């Protein structure tokens, strides 16, 4: 059944390059619905545009350090995986980063 739905809606989908671009499409009423990061939905300007439904589950994000990364990349990763950064993430509606980078 899900495959039938996908085949029906796929031609109607507009894929954005980023969450920010998706938000732009949604705020300019160029789309009927958008999938956005939950913390975006807590912003007053966005809440006024309509209603939202919090989707169940989590999306896994990945982090990469490129071979040409600056020397600041490692300390930055150490910080964003710290307890202090975790509190900041939670404050803004995100889950803290867990595990060892």
C-alpha atoms as a PDB file:
ATOM      1  CA  UNK A   1       0.000   0.000   0.000  1.00  0.00           C
ATOM      2  CA  UNK A   2       2.781   2.484   0.862  1.00  0.00           C
ATOM      3  CA  UNK A   3       4.366   1.978  -2.561  1.00  0.00           C
ATOM      4  CA  UNK A   4       1.094   2.931  -4.214  1.00  0.00           C
ATOM      5  CA  UNK A   5       0.989   6.145  -2.224  1.00  0.00           C
ATOM      6  CA  UNK A   6       4.620   6.945  -3.054  1.00  0.00           C
ATOM      7  CA  UNK A   7       4.029   6.441  -6.770  1.00  0.00           C
ATOM      8  CA  UNK A   8       1.030   8.769  -6.587  1.00  0.00           C
ATOM      9  CA  UNK A   9       2.676  11.621  -4.678  1.00  0.00           C
ATOM     10  CA  UNK A  10       6.229  11.458  -6.037  1.00  0.00           C
ATOM     11  CA  UNK A  11       5.486  13.577  -9.146  1.00  0.00           C
ATOM     12  CA  UNK A  12       4.003  16.260  -6.863  1.00  0.00           C
ATOM     13  CA  UNK A  13       7.043  16.561  -4.553  1.00  0.00           C
ATOM     14  CA  UNK A  14       9.345  19.554  -4.601  1.00  0.00           C
ATOM     15  CA  UNK A  15      12.710  18.673  -3.092  1.00  0.00           C
ATOM     16  CA  UNK A  16      14.645  21.520  -1.538  1.00  0.00           C
ATOM     17  CA  UNK A  17      18.399  21.716  -1.086  1.00  0.00           C
ATOM     18  CA  UNK A  18      18.165  22.498   2.622  1.00  0.00           C
ATOM     19  CA  UNK A  19      15.755  22.950   5.509  1.00  0.00           C
ATOM     20  CA  UNK A  20      16.100  26.711   5.067  1.00  0.00           C
ATOM     21  CA  UNK A  21      15.042  26.488   1.436  1.00  0.00           C
ATOM     22  CA  UNK A  22      12.114  24.283   2.442  1.00  0.00           C
ATOM     23  CA  UNK A  23      11.101  26.906   4.983  1.00  0.00           C
ATOM     24  CA  UNK A  24      11.293  29.590   2.303  1.00  0.00           C
ATOM     25  CA  UNK A  25       8.965  27.561   0.054  1.00  0.00           C
ATOM     26  CA  UNK A  26       6.519  27.079   2.934  1.00  0.00           C
ATOM     27  CA  UNK A  27       6.503  30.731   4.037  1.00  0.00           C
ATOM     28  CA  UNK A  28       5.872  31.994   0.499  1.00  0.00           C
ATOM     29  CA  UNK A  29       2.937  29.574   0.086  1.00  0.00           C
ATOM     30  CA  UNK A  30       4.606  27.881  -2.878  1.00  0.00           C
ATOM     31  CA  UNK A  31       3.797  24.493  -1.333  1.00  0.00           C
ATOM     32  CA  UNK A  32       0.777  23.040   0.457  1.00  0.00           C
ATOM     33  CA  UNK A  33       2.861  21.213   3.066  1.00  0.00           C
ATOM     34  CA  UNK A  34       6.500  20.948   4.096  1.00  0.00           C
ATOM     35  CA  UNK A  35       8.637  18.682   6.246  1.00  0.00           C
ATOM     36  CA  UNK A  36      10.823  20.869   8.460  1.00  0.00           C
ATOM     37  CA  UNK A  37      13.001  20.396  11.550  1.00  0.00           C
ATOM     38  CA  UNK A  38      10.804  20.567  14.643  1.00  0.00           C
ATOM     39  CA  UNK A  39      12.638  23.546  16.195  1.00  0.00           C
ATOM     40  CA  UNK A  40      11.619  25.613  13.162  1.00  0.00           C
ATOM     41  CA  UNK A  41       7.994  24.968  14.085  1.00  0.00           C
ATOM     42  CA  UNK A  42       8.362  26.618  17.471  1.00  0.00           C
ATOM     43  CA  UNK A  43       9.132  30.007  15.915  1.00  0.00           C
ATOM     44  CA  UNK A  44       6.153  32.362  16.143  1.00  0.00           C
ATOM     45  CA  UNK A  45       6.385  33.513  12.507  1.00  0.00           C
ATOM     46  CA  UNK A  46       6.128  29.926  11.339  1.00  0.00           C
ATOM     47  CA  UNK A  47       3.372  28.892  13.760  1.00  0.00           C
ATOM     48  CA  UNK A  48       1.199  31.681  12.356  1.00  0.00           C
ATOM     49  CA  UNK A  49       1.365  30.183   8.851  1.00  0.00           C
ATOM     50  CA  UNK A  50      -0.843  27.217   9.650  1.00  0.00           C
ATOM     51  CA  UNK A  51      -0.749  24.079  11.731  1.00  0.00           C
ATOM     52  CA  UNK A  52       1.900  21.464  12.214  1.00  0.00           C
ATOM     53  CA  UNK A  53       2.057  17.825  13.162  1.00  0.00           C
ATOM     54  CA  UNK A  54       5.103  16.498  14.980  1.00  0.00           C
ATOM     55  CA  UNK A  55       6.221  13.358  13.155  1.00  0.00           C
ATOM     56  CA  UNK A  56       7.217  10.356  15.246  1.00  0.00           C
ATOM     57  CA  UNK A  57      10.787   9.111  15.444  1.00  0.00           C
ATOM     58  CA  UNK A  58      14.153  10.686  14.810  1.00  0.00           C
ATOM     59  CA  UNK A  59      16.227  11.349  11.739  1.00  0.00           C
ATOM     60  CA  UNK A  60      19.837  10.318  12.017  1.00  0.00           C
ATOM     61  CA  UNK A  61      22.344  13.017  11.165  1.00  0.00           C
ATOM     62  CA  UNK A  62      25.952  12.427  10.287  1.00  0.00           C
ATOM     63  CA  UNK A  63      29.074  14.512  10.709  1.00  0.00           C
ATOM     64  CA  UNK A  64      32.103  14.484   8.477  1.00  0.00           C
ATOM     65  CA  UNK A  65      35.494  16.089   8.855  1.00  0.00           C
ATOM     66  CA  UNK A  66      36.930  16.682   5.427  1.00  0.00           C
ATOM     67  CA  UNK A  67      40.580  16.093   4.674  1.00  0.00           C
ATOM     68  CA  UNK A  68      41.098  19.849   4.217  1.00  0.00           C
ATOM     69  CA  UNK A  69      39.401  20.794   7.505  1.00  0.00           C
ATOM     70  CA  UNK A  70      40.997  23.459   9.631  1.00  0.00           C
ATOM     71  CA  UNK A  71      42.635  22.675  12.960  1.00  0.00           C
ATOM     72  CA  UNK A  72      39.478  24.006  14.651  1.00  0.00           C
ATOM     73  CA  UNK A  73      37.356  21.084  13.408  1.00  0.00           C
ATOM     74  CA  UNK A  74      38.416  18.641  16.124  1.00  0.00           C
ATOM     75  CA  UNK A  75      37.873  21.064  19.059  1.00  0.00           C
ATOM     76  CA  UNK A  76      34.509  22.054  17.556  1.00  0.00           C
ATOM     77  CA  UNK A  77      33.387  18.423  17.415  1.00  0.00           C
ATOM     78  CA  UNK A  78      34.599  17.892  20.953  1.00  0.00           C
ATOM     79  CA  UNK A  79      32.452  20.849  22.034  1.00  0.00           C
ATOM     80  CA  UNK A  80      29.262  19.899  20.182  1.00  0.00           C
ATOM     81  CA  UNK A  81      29.391  16.431  21.717  1.00  0.00           C
ATOM     82  CA  UNK A  82      29.884  17.848  25.222  1.00  0.00           C
ATOM     83  CA  UNK A  83      27.280  18.039  27.980  1.00  0.00           C
ATOM     84  CA  UNK A  84      27.306  21.857  27.787  1.00  0.00           C
ATOM     85  CA  UNK A  85      26.458  21.795  24.084  1.00  0.00           C
ATOM     86  CA  UNK A  86      23.818  19.135  24.753  1.00  0.00           C
ATOM     87  CA  UNK A  87      22.009  21.583  27.042  1.00  0.00           C
ATOM     88  CA  UNK A  88      22.059  24.192  24.280  1.00  0.00           C
ATOM     89  CA  UNK A  89      20.660  21.698  21.769  1.00  0.00           C
ATOM     90  CA  UNK A  90      17.839  20.749  24.151  1.00  0.00           C
ATOM     91  CA  UNK A  91      17.035  24.417  24.847  1.00  0.00           C
ATOM     92  CA  UNK A  92      16.460  24.953  21.123  1.00  0.00           C
ATOM     93  CA  UNK A  93      14.400  21.803  20.553  1.00  0.00           C
ATOM     94  CA  UNK A  94      17.085  19.442  19.320  1.00  0.00           C
ATOM     95  CA  UNK A  95      18.331  16.202  20.798  1.00  0.00           C
ATOM     96  CA  UNK A  96      21.869  16.292  22.191  1.00  0.00           C
ATOM     97  CA  UNK A  97      24.590  14.492  20.312  1.00  0.00           C
ATOM     98  CA  UNK A  98      25.470  11.224  21.994  1.00  0.00           C
ATOM     99  CA  UNK A  99      28.212   8.714  21.407  1.00  0.00           C
ATOM    100  CA  UNK A 100      31.853   9.159  20.563  1.00  0.00           C
ATOM    101  CA  UNK A 101      32.755  11.090  17.436  1.00  0.00           C
END
